Amino acid sequence: MKTLDLDAVHAFVLVADLQSFTRAAEVLDTTQSAISLKLKRLEAHLERRLLERTPRQVRLSVEGTAFLNSARDLLAAHDRAWSVLHAPPRRLRIGISDHVAGAALPSLLAKVNTHDPALIIEVRIAMSQEILALFDAGEVDAAFVLGHGERRDGEVLFSDEMDWFGLPDWSHETTLRIATLSSPCGLRSQATEALDAAGIAWQEVFVGGGVSAVAAAVTAGLAVAPLCARVAPAGSVSVRERLGLPRLRKSSVSVFRSVNDERSRSALKVMGAALKAG
């Protein structure tokens, strides 16, 4: 009976999840060419083409789609067998800014669980300043937050677009109706200061305790909202140009971590790569 190279199968699942050879290489601390070689050998071993490679994206072939769930099951079974003797339960406490997590949180957690099924994940969702305060107090092991580039103890993962979002047919007459997160929120401050500087009259008509609440206000047609593009609600569009609203600065997404064991660092790499790809 032919046997499969588990490292190659793991690389395949990562590439499929992250849709990128580069992101998978970052997680595995290797090079893009090494990942490509592993997958070519796996395809040769299986005598099937698993991935369709184009200059812009990586897609699963029909055979790759059929193989993916079985590949996940194989890795999970291997991890369960290994964890009986070698991987006792480990709890990882993660804080994530509401602006960073958004609707992608279930997908992020699924990817981390696939990577390490024995890992117990504790997640706290709040605004970036609150998450950083929890991190500084030692209440979370890692923090994924928006902005705070002035600190030097974090790692910048990528930049995120900020924009004004509303329904496609949303309009206003004299005073702009906006929905925001409650203070303190860095994006709220940036947005209101930009409106004042542009001489645009505005009125805060909805204050949400989380991004999902602000997104609901946008979807309901109550107002427009300054949001990261990654968490804008389905059905909303950028209304900045149409309404003549000021451009908002890009903001960085950074990770702060206090854990250095290989298992935790590996899980955080998977989450960071998934956020980049998301």
C-alpha atoms as a PDB file:
ATOM      1  CA  MET A   1       0.000   0.000   0.000  1.00  0.00           C
ATOM      2  CA  LYS A   2       1.314   3.431  -0.917  1.00  0.00           C
ATOM      3  CA  THR A   3       1.921   5.822   1.975  1.00  0.00           C
ATOM      4  CA  LEU A   4       1.568   9.597   1.934  1.00  0.00           C
ATOM      5  CA  ASP A   5       4.111  12.152   3.073  1.00  0.00           C
ATOM      6  CA  LEU A   6       2.328  13.913   5.957  1.00  0.00           C
ATOM      7  CA  ASP A   7       4.474  17.035   5.591  1.00  0.00           C
ATOM      8  CA  ALA A   8       3.414  17.311   1.965  1.00  0.00           C
ATOM      9  CA  VAL A   9      -0.243  16.735   2.864  1.00  0.00           C
ATOM     10  CA  HIS A  10       0.025  19.437   5.533  1.00  0.00           C
ATOM     11  CA  ALA A  11       1.522  21.830   2.990  1.00  0.00           C
ATOM     12  CA  PHE A  12      -1.316  21.059   0.561  1.00  0.00           C
ATOM     13  CA  VAL A  13      -3.995  21.806   3.176  1.00  0.00           C
ATOM     14  CA  LEU A  14      -2.307  25.079   4.122  1.00  0.00           C
ATOM     15  CA  VAL A  15      -2.042  26.186   0.491  1.00  0.00           C
ATOM     16  CA  ALA A  16      -5.702  25.260  -0.046  1.00  0.00           C
ATOM     17  CA  ASP A  17      -6.813  27.181   3.061  1.00  0.00           C
ATOM     18  CA  LEU A  18      -4.654  30.246   2.518  1.00  0.00           C
ATOM     19  CA  GLN A  19      -4.825  30.176  -1.299  1.00  0.00           C
ATOM     20  CA  SER A  20      -1.158  31.090  -1.409  1.00  0.00           C
ATOM     21  CA  PHE A  21       2.187  29.301  -1.572  1.00  0.00           C
ATOM     22  CA  THR A  22       3.792  32.328   0.068  1.00  0.00           C
ATOM     23  CA  ARG A  23       1.470  32.310   3.110  1.00  0.00           C
ATOM     24  CA  ALA A  24       1.884  28.558   3.548  1.00  0.00           C
ATOM     25  CA  ALA A  25       5.667  28.962   3.417  1.00  0.00           C
ATOM     26  CA  GLU A  26       5.499  31.642   6.116  1.00  0.00           C
ATOM     27  CA  VAL A  27       3.564  29.325   8.426  1.00  0.00           C
ATOM     28  CA  LEU A  28       5.973  26.443   7.880  1.00  0.00           C
ATOM     29  CA  ASP A  29       9.130  28.601   8.111  1.00  0.00           C
ATOM     30  CA  THR A  30      10.292  27.535   4.679  1.00  0.00           C
ATOM     31  CA  THR A  31      10.446  28.892   1.137  1.00  0.00           C
ATOM     32  CA  GLN A  32       7.824  29.087  -1.578  1.00  0.00           C
ATOM     33  CA  SER A  33       9.942  26.870  -3.818  1.00  0.00           C
ATOM     34  CA  ALA A  34      10.178  24.213  -1.091  1.00  0.00           C
ATOM     35  CA  ILE A  35       6.379  24.188  -0.754  1.00  0.00           C
ATOM     36  CA  SER A  36       6.007  23.930  -4.520  1.00  0.00           C
ATOM     37  CA  LEU A  37       8.413  20.977  -4.632  1.00  0.00           C
ATOM     38  CA  LYS A  38       6.540  19.147  -1.844  1.00  0.00           C
ATOM     39  CA  LEU A  39       3.260  19.542  -3.703  1.00  0.00           C
ATOM     40  CA  LYS A  40       4.708  18.454  -7.031  1.00  0.00           C
ATOM     41  CA  ARG A  41       6.011  15.288  -5.373  1.00  0.00           C
ATOM     42  CA  LEU A  42       2.633  14.706  -3.717  1.00  0.00           C
ATOM     43  CA  GLU A  43       0.855  15.113  -7.057  1.00  0.00           C
ATOM     44  CA  ALA A  44       3.309  12.720  -8.684  1.00  0.00           C
ATOM     45  CA  HIS A  45       2.780  10.199  -5.885  1.00  0.00           C
ATOM     46  CA  LEU A  46      -1.004  10.443  -6.201  1.00  0.00           C
ATOM     47  CA  GLU A  47      -0.821  10.607 -10.004  1.00  0.00           C
ATOM     48  CA  ARG A  48      -3.322  13.458  -9.831  1.00  0.00           C
ATOM     49  CA  ARG A  49      -3.124  17.222 -10.274  1.00  0.00           C
ATOM     50  CA  LEU A  50      -4.322  18.838  -7.036  1.00  0.00           C
ATOM     51  CA  LEU A  51      -3.808  22.535  -7.773  1.00  0.00           C
ATOM     52  CA  GLU A  52      -4.354  24.853 -10.710  1.00  0.00           C
ATOM     53  CA  ARG A  53      -1.600  27.485 -10.608  1.00  0.00           C
ATOM     54  CA  THR A  54      -2.036  30.869 -12.296  1.00  0.00           C
ATOM     55  CA  PRO A  55       0.042  34.069 -11.957  1.00  0.00           C
ATOM     56  CA  ARG A  56      -2.691  35.653  -9.818  1.00  0.00           C
ATOM     57  CA  GLN A  57      -4.130  32.855  -7.723  1.00  0.00           C
ATOM     58  CA  VAL A  58      -4.006  29.248  -6.640  1.00  0.00           C
ATOM     59  CA  ARG A  59      -7.134  27.133  -7.079  1.00  0.00           C
ATOM     60  CA  LEU A  60      -7.977  23.546  -6.278  1.00  0.00           C
ATOM     61  CA  SER A  61      -8.467  21.213  -9.224  1.00  0.00           C
ATOM     62  CA  VAL A  62     -11.434  18.844  -9.253  1.00  0.00           C
ATOM     63  CA  GLU A  63      -9.156  16.113  -7.849  1.00  0.00           C
ATOM     64  CA  GLY A  64      -7.762  18.532  -5.250  1.00  0.00           C
ATOM     65  CA  THR A  65     -11.249  19.435  -4.057  1.00  0.00           C
ATOM     66  CA  ALA A  66     -12.113  15.754  -3.726  1.00  0.00           C
ATOM     67  CA  PHE A  67      -8.872  15.063  -1.824  1.00  0.00           C
ATOM     68  CA  LEU A  68      -9.032  18.028   0.596  1.00  0.00           C
ATOM     69  CA  ASN A  69     -11.442  16.637   3.223  1.00  0.00           C
ATOM     70  CA  SER A  70      -9.634  13.298   3.281  1.00  0.00           C
ATOM     71  CA  ALA A  71      -6.341  15.160   3.707  1.00  0.00           C
ATOM     72  CA  ARG A  72      -7.794  17.040   6.675  1.00  0.00           C
ATOM     73  CA  ASP A  73      -9.033  13.774   8.204  1.00  0.00           C
ATOM     74  CA  LEU A  74      -5.606  12.197   7.762  1.00  0.00           C
ATOM     75  CA  LEU A  75      -3.844  15.083   9.520  1.00  0.00           C
ATOM     76  CA  ALA A  76      -6.418  15.137  12.323  1.00  0.00           C
ATOM     77  CA  ALA A  77      -6.051  11.394  12.902  1.00  0.00           C
ATOM     78  CA  HIS A  78      -2.269  11.748  13.001  1.00  0.00           C
ATOM     79  CA  ASP A  79      -2.508  14.627  15.493  1.00  0.00           C
ATOM     80  CA  ARG A  80      -4.896  12.675  17.728  1.00  0.00           C
ATOM     81  CA  ALA A  81      -2.564   9.683  17.744  1.00  0.00           C
ATOM     82  CA  TRP A  82       0.452  11.880  18.523  1.00  0.00           C
ATOM     83  CA  SER A  83      -1.329  13.896  21.218  1.00  0.00           C
ATOM     84  CA  VAL A  84      -2.140  10.801  23.286  1.00  0.00           C
ATOM     85  CA  LEU A  85       1.492  10.661  24.428  1.00  0.00           C
ATOM     86  CA  HIS A  86       3.174  13.830  23.237  1.00  0.00           C
ATOM     87  CA  ALA A  87       0.750  16.767  23.120  1.00  0.00           C
ATOM     88  CA  PRO A  88      -1.132  17.328  26.366  1.00  0.00           C
ATOM     89  CA  PRO A  89      -3.908  19.927  26.249  1.00  0.00           C
ATOM     90  CA  ARG A  90      -2.567  23.465  25.831  1.00  0.00           C
ATOM     91  CA  ARG A  91      -4.639  26.628  26.239  1.00  0.00           C
ATOM     92  CA  LEU A  92      -3.883  29.630  24.046  1.00  0.00           C
ATOM     93  CA  ARG A  93      -5.575  32.897  24.993  1.00  0.00           C
ATOM     94  CA  ILE A  94      -6.013  35.203  22.005  1.00  0.00           C
ATOM     95  CA  GLY A  95      -7.374  38.739  21.930  1.00  0.00           C
ATOM     96  CA  ILE A  96      -8.643  40.026  18.581  1.00  0.00           C
ATOM     97  CA  SER A  97      -9.787  43.517  17.693  1.00  0.00           C
ATOM     98  CA  ASP A  98     -13.375  43.594  16.489  1.00  0.00           C
ATOM     99  CA  HIS A  99     -12.175  45.485  13.401  1.00  0.00           C
ATOM    100  CA  VAL A 100      -9.733  42.660  12.619  1.00  0.00           C
ATOM    101  CA  ALA A 101     -11.924  39.613  13.281  1.00  0.00           C
ATOM    102  CA  GLY A 102     -15.228  40.541  11.677  1.00  0.00           C
ATOM    103  CA  ALA A 103     -17.229  37.812   9.981  1.00  0.00           C
ATOM    104  CA  ALA A 104     -14.028  35.890   9.189  1.00  0.00           C
ATOM    105  CA  LEU A 105     -13.606  34.696  12.784  1.00  0.00           C
ATOM    106  CA  PRO A 106     -15.220  31.241  12.275  1.00  0.00           C
ATOM    107  CA  SER A 107     -12.938  30.598   9.303  1.00  0.00           C
ATOM    108  CA  LEU A 108      -9.865  31.711  11.267  1.00  0.00           C
ATOM    109  CA  LEU A 109     -10.693  29.417  14.177  1.00  0.00           C
ATOM    110  CA  ALA A 110     -11.367  26.505  11.823  1.00  0.00           C
ATOM    111  CA  LYS A 111      -7.922  26.909  10.247  1.00  0.00           C
ATOM    112  CA  VAL A 112      -6.205  26.954  13.648  1.00  0.00           C
ATOM    113  CA  ASN A 113      -8.206  23.913  14.749  1.00  0.00           C
ATOM    114  CA  THR A 114      -7.228  22.046  11.594  1.00  0.00           C
ATOM    115  CA  HIS A 115      -3.606  22.891  12.295  1.00  0.00           C
ATOM    116  CA  ASP A 116      -3.713  21.776  15.974  1.00  0.00           C
ATOM    117  CA  PRO A 117      -6.948  20.014  17.023  1.00  0.00           C
ATOM    118  CA  ALA A 118      -5.667  19.446  20.583  1.00  0.00           C
ATOM    119  CA  LEU A 119      -5.157  23.164  21.210  1.00  0.00           C
ATOM    120  CA  ILE A 120      -7.718  24.824  23.496  1.00  0.00           C
ATOM    121  CA  ILE A 121      -8.384  28.318  22.131  1.00  0.00           C
ATOM    122  CA  GLU A 122      -9.765  31.079  24.328  1.00  0.00           C
ATOM    123  CA  VAL A 123     -10.777  34.185  22.358  1.00  0.00           C
ATOM    124  CA  ARG A 124     -11.578  37.684  23.576  1.00  0.00           C
ATOM    125  CA  ILE A 125     -13.121  40.197  21.142  1.00  0.00           C
ATOM    126  CA  ALA A 126     -13.009  43.926  21.898  1.00  0.00           C
ATOM    127  CA  MET A 127     -11.662  47.193  20.535  1.00  0.00           C
ATOM    128  CA  SER A 128      -7.920  47.386  19.902  1.00  0.00           C
ATOM    129  CA  GLN A 129      -7.109  49.519  22.954  1.00  0.00           C
ATOM    130  CA  GLU A 130      -8.992  47.135  25.226  1.00  0.00           C
ATOM    131  CA  ILE A 131      -7.267  44.102  23.700  1.00  0.00           C
ATOM    132  CA  LEU A 132      -3.851  45.704  24.171  1.00  0.00           C
ATOM    133  CA  ALA A 133      -4.718  46.468  27.798  1.00  0.00           C
ATOM    134  CA  LEU A 134      -5.595  42.788  28.314  1.00  0.00           C
ATOM    135  CA  PHE A 135      -2.302  41.801  26.694  1.00  0.00           C
ATOM    136  CA  ASP A 136      -0.278  44.180  28.869  1.00  0.00           C
ATOM    137  CA  ALA A 137      -2.068  42.819  31.946  1.00  0.00           C
ATOM    138  CA  GLY A 138      -1.164  39.252  30.975  1.00  0.00           C
ATOM    139  CA  GLU A 139      -4.784  38.218  30.458  1.00  0.00           C
ATOM    140  CA  VAL A 140      -4.219  37.145  26.842  1.00  0.00           C
ATOM    141  CA  ASP A 141      -1.151  35.465  25.326  1.00  0.00           C
ATOM    142  CA  ALA A 142      -1.433  37.214  21.967  1.00  0.00           C
ATOM    143  CA  ALA A 143      -3.245  40.231  20.568  1.00  0.00           C
ATOM    144  CA  PHE A 144      -4.273  40.965  16.978  1.00  0.00           C
ATOM    145  CA  VAL A 145      -5.065  44.679  16.840  1.00  0.00           C
ATOM    146  CA  LEU A 146      -5.604  47.556  14.451  1.00  0.00           C
ATOM    147  CA  GLY A 147      -2.979  50.296  14.369  1.00  0.00           C
ATOM    148  CA  HIS A 148      -0.716  51.086  17.337  1.00  0.00           C
ATOM    149  CA  GLY A 149       2.341  51.299  15.119  1.00  0.00           C
ATOM    150  CA  GLU A 150       3.914  53.556  17.738  1.00  0.00           C
ATOM    151  CA  ARG A 151       4.641  50.477  19.845  1.00  0.00           C
ATOM    152  CA  ARG A 152       7.771  48.507  19.029  1.00  0.00           C
ATOM    153  CA  ASP A 153       6.900  45.211  20.732  1.00  0.00           C
ATOM    154  CA  GLY A 154       4.495  44.036  18.022  1.00  0.00           C
ATOM    155  CA  GLU A 155       4.826  42.718  14.470  1.00  0.00           C
ATOM    156  CA  VAL A 156       3.009  44.457  11.608  1.00  0.00           C
ATOM    157  CA  LEU A 157       1.233  41.832   9.513  1.00  0.00           C
ATOM    158  CA  PHE A 158      -0.303  43.958   6.755  1.00  0.00           C
ATOM    159  CA  SER A 159      -2.106  47.217   5.996  1.00  0.00           C
ATOM    160  CA  ASP A 160      -5.873  47.418   5.836  1.00  0.00           C
ATOM    161  CA  GLU A 161      -8.021  49.785   3.778  1.00  0.00           C
ATOM    162  CA  MET A 162     -10.382  52.123   5.643  1.00  0.00           C
ATOM    163  CA  ASP A 163     -13.393  53.557   3.880  1.00  0.00           C
ATOM    164  CA  TRP A 164     -16.940  54.845   4.222  1.00  0.00           C
ATOM    165  CA  PHE A 165     -19.564  52.134   3.644  1.00  0.00           C
ATOM    166  CA  GLY A 166     -23.305  52.372   3.068  1.00  0.00           C
ATOM    167  CA  LEU A 167     -26.095  50.895   0.987  1.00  0.00           C
ATOM    168  CA  PRO A 168     -25.715  51.404  -2.789  1.00  0.00           C
ATOM    169  CA  ASP A 169     -28.654  53.830  -2.924  1.00  0.00           C
ATOM    170  CA  TRP A 170     -27.938  55.637   0.355  1.00  0.00           C
ATOM    171  CA  SER A 171     -28.008  59.437   0.206  1.00  0.00           C
ATOM    172  CA  HIS A 172     -28.144  62.431   2.542  1.00  0.00           C
ATOM    173  CA  GLU A 173     -29.163  66.062   2.249  1.00  0.00           C
ATOM    174  CA  THR A 174     -27.302  68.435   4.563  1.00  0.00           C
ATOM    175  CA  THR A 175     -26.083  66.509   7.596  1.00  0.00           C
ATOM    176  CA  LEU A 176     -24.267  63.210   7.146  1.00  0.00           C
ATOM    177  CA  ARG A 177     -25.708  60.463   9.335  1.00  0.00           C
ATOM    178  CA  ILE A 178     -22.974  58.166  10.630  1.00  0.00           C
ATOM    179  CA  ALA A 179     -22.793  54.974  12.679  1.00  0.00           C
ATOM    180  CA  THR A 180     -19.700  54.370  14.785  1.00  0.00           C
ATOM    181  CA  LEU A 181     -18.251  52.278  17.552  1.00  0.00           C
ATOM    182  CA  SER A 182     -18.394  53.720  21.040  1.00  0.00           C
ATOM    183  CA  SER A 183     -15.427  55.699  22.308  1.00  0.00           C
ATOM    184  CA  PRO A 184     -12.513  55.100  22.611  1.00  0.00           C
ATOM    185  CA  CYS A 185     -12.152  53.927  19.022  1.00  0.00           C
ATOM    186  CA  GLY A 186      -9.230  55.090  16.902  1.00  0.00           C
ATOM    187  CA  LEU A 187     -11.135  54.734  13.630  1.00  0.00           C
ATOM    188  CA  ARG A 188     -14.059  56.758  15.023  1.00  0.00           C
ATOM    189  CA  SER A 189     -11.691  59.567  16.018  1.00  0.00           C
ATOM    190  CA  GLN A 190      -9.963  59.529  12.639  1.00  0.00           C
ATOM    191  CA  ALA A 191     -13.278  59.599  10.754  1.00  0.00           C
ATOM    192  CA  THR A 192     -14.890  62.443  12.719  1.00  0.00           C
ATOM    193  CA  GLU A 193     -11.708  64.534  12.586  1.00  0.00           C
ATOM    194  CA  ALA A 194     -11.549  64.024   8.812  1.00  0.00           C
ATOM    195  CA  LEU A 195     -15.176  65.152   8.431  1.00  0.00           C
ATOM    196  CA  ASP A 196     -14.534  68.259  10.527  1.00  0.00           C
ATOM    197  CA  ALA A 197     -11.411  69.099   8.531  1.00  0.00           C
ATOM    198  CA  ALA A 198     -13.388  68.750   5.283  1.00  0.00           C
ATOM    199  CA  GLY A 199     -16.153  71.008   6.607  1.00  0.00           C
ATOM    200  CA  ILE A 200     -18.808  68.289   6.348  1.00  0.00           C
ATOM    201  CA  ALA A 201     -21.651  68.493   8.850  1.00  0.00           C
ATOM    202  CA  TRP A 202     -22.287  65.145  10.510  1.00  0.00           C
ATOM    203  CA  GLN A 203     -24.523  63.596  13.124  1.00  0.00           C
ATOM    204  CA  GLU A 204     -23.873  60.384  15.033  1.00  0.00           C
ATOM    205  CA  VAL A 205     -27.169  58.493  14.852  1.00  0.00           C
ATOM    206  CA  PHE A 206     -26.023  55.043  15.947  1.00  0.00           C
ATOM    207  CA  VAL A 207     -23.336  53.919  18.396  1.00  0.00           C
ATOM    208  CA  GLY A 208     -22.568  50.196  18.423  1.00  0.00           C
ATOM    209  CA  GLY A 209     -20.820  48.091  21.000  1.00  0.00           C
ATOM    210  CA  GLY A 210     -19.172  46.037  18.261  1.00  0.00           C
ATOM    211  CA  VAL A 211     -18.496  46.000  14.530  1.00  0.00           C
ATOM    212  CA  SER A 212     -21.400  43.614  13.914  1.00  0.00           C
ATOM    213  CA  ALA A 213     -23.795  46.145  15.462  1.00  0.00           C
ATOM    214  CA  VAL A 214     -22.400  48.980  13.315  1.00  0.00           C
ATOM    215  CA  ALA A 215     -22.639  46.737  10.246  1.00  0.00           C
ATOM    216  CA  ALA A 216     -26.285  46.031  11.106  1.00  0.00           C
ATOM    217  CA  ALA A 217     -26.992  49.773  11.204  1.00  0.00           C
ATOM    218  CA  VAL A 218     -25.434  50.162   7.747  1.00  0.00           C
ATOM    219  CA  THR A 219     -27.417  47.204   6.379  1.00  0.00           C
ATOM    220  CA  ALA A 220     -30.622  48.671   7.852  1.00  0.00           C
ATOM    221  CA  GLY A 221     -29.989  51.943   6.013  1.00  0.00           C
ATOM    222  CA  LEU A 222     -29.654  54.038   9.178  1.00  0.00           C
ATOM    223  CA  ALA A 223     -26.349  55.624   8.274  1.00  0.00           C
ATOM    224  CA  VAL A 224     -22.944  55.255   6.665  1.00  0.00           C
ATOM    225  CA  ALA A 225     -19.996  54.014   8.707  1.00  0.00           C
ATOM    226  CA  PRO A 226     -16.207  54.201   8.662  1.00  0.00           C
ATOM    227  CA  LEU A 227     -15.046  50.593   8.544  1.00  0.00           C
ATOM    228  CA  CYS A 228     -12.168  48.381   7.503  1.00  0.00           C
ATOM    229  CA  ALA A 229     -12.922  46.942   4.094  1.00  0.00           C
ATOM    230  CA  ARG A 230     -12.473  43.412   5.479  1.00  0.00           C
ATOM    231  CA  VAL A 231     -15.414  43.776   7.918  1.00  0.00           C
ATOM    232  CA  ALA A 232     -17.821  45.793   5.761  1.00  0.00           C
ATOM    233  CA  PRO A 233     -21.252  44.107   5.705  1.00  0.00           C
ATOM    234  CA  ALA A 234     -22.412  42.143   2.691  1.00  0.00           C
ATOM    235  CA  GLY A 235     -24.431  44.314   0.328  1.00  0.00           C
ATOM    236  CA  SER A 236     -22.695  47.547   1.330  1.00  0.00           C
ATOM    237  CA  VAL A 237     -20.412  49.533  -0.972  1.00  0.00           C
ATOM    238  CA  SER A 238     -17.889  52.325  -0.645  1.00  0.00           C
ATOM    239  CA  VAL A 239     -19.835  55.604  -0.803  1.00  0.00           C
ATOM    240  CA  ARG A 240     -16.829  57.906  -0.322  1.00  0.00           C
ATOM    241  CA  GLU A 241     -16.472  59.159  -3.888  1.00  0.00           C
ATOM    242  CA  ARG A 242     -20.203  59.398  -4.589  1.00  0.00           C
ATOM    243  CA  LEU A 243     -20.865  61.430  -1.434  1.00  0.00           C
ATOM    244  CA  GLY A 244     -17.641  63.435  -1.541  1.00  0.00           C
ATOM    245  CA  LEU A 245     -16.404  62.153   1.816  1.00  0.00           C
ATOM    246  CA  PRO A 246     -12.780  62.470   2.959  1.00  0.00           C
ATOM    247  CA  ARG A 247     -10.336  59.655   2.320  1.00  0.00           C
ATOM    248  CA  LEU A 248      -9.350  57.704   5.442  1.00  0.00           C
ATOM    249  CA  ARG A 249      -5.801  56.606   6.187  1.00  0.00           C
ATOM    250  CA  LYS A 250      -4.746  52.995   5.854  1.00  0.00           C
ATOM    251  CA  SER A 251      -4.206  51.258   9.160  1.00  0.00           C
ATOM    252  CA  SER A 252      -1.904  48.384   9.984  1.00  0.00           C
ATOM    253  CA  VAL A 253      -2.904  45.092  11.583  1.00  0.00           C
ATOM    254  CA  SER A 254      -0.314  44.001  14.145  1.00  0.00           C
ATOM    255  CA  VAL A 255       0.187  41.004  16.396  1.00  0.00           C
ATOM    256  CA  PHE A 256       1.623  41.137  19.901  1.00  0.00           C
ATOM    257  CA  ARG A 257       2.652  37.873  21.554  1.00  0.00           C
ATOM    258  CA  SER A 258       4.105  36.849  24.910  1.00  0.00           C
ATOM    259  CA  VAL A 259       4.352  33.092  24.225  1.00  0.00           C
ATOM    260  CA  ASN A 260       7.416  31.553  22.612  1.00  0.00           C
ATOM    261  CA  ASP A 261       6.760  27.813  22.658  1.00  0.00           C
ATOM    262  CA  GLU A 262       6.719  26.233  19.212  1.00  0.00           C
ATOM    263  CA  ARG A 263       3.126  25.048  19.412  1.00  0.00           C
ATOM    264  CA  SER A 264       1.686  28.474  20.265  1.00  0.00           C
ATOM    265  CA  ARG A 265       3.888  30.319  17.775  1.00  0.00           C
ATOM    266  CA  SER A 266       2.855  27.909  15.035  1.00  0.00           C
ATOM    267  CA  ALA A 267      -0.865  28.382  15.759  1.00  0.00           C
ATOM    268  CA  LEU A 268      -0.445  32.173  15.774  1.00  0.00           C
ATOM    269  CA  LYS A 269       1.391  31.995  12.448  1.00  0.00           C
ATOM    270  CA  VAL A 270      -1.549  30.121  10.949  1.00  0.00           C
ATOM    271  CA  MET A 271      -3.977  32.769  12.214  1.00  0.00           C
ATOM    272  CA  GLY A 272      -1.772  35.610  10.998  1.00  0.00           C
ATOM    273  CA  ALA A 273      -1.392  34.035   7.562  1.00  0.00           C
ATOM    274  CA  ALA A 274      -5.145  33.450   7.354  1.00  0.00           C
ATOM    275  CA  LEU A 275      -5.787  37.106   8.203  1.00  0.00           C
ATOM    276  CA  LYS A 276      -3.354  38.203   5.490  1.00  0.00           C
ATOM    277  CA  ALA A 277      -5.051  35.973   2.958  1.00  0.00           C
ATOM    278  CA  GLY A 278      -8.519  37.009   4.079  1.00  0.00           C
END
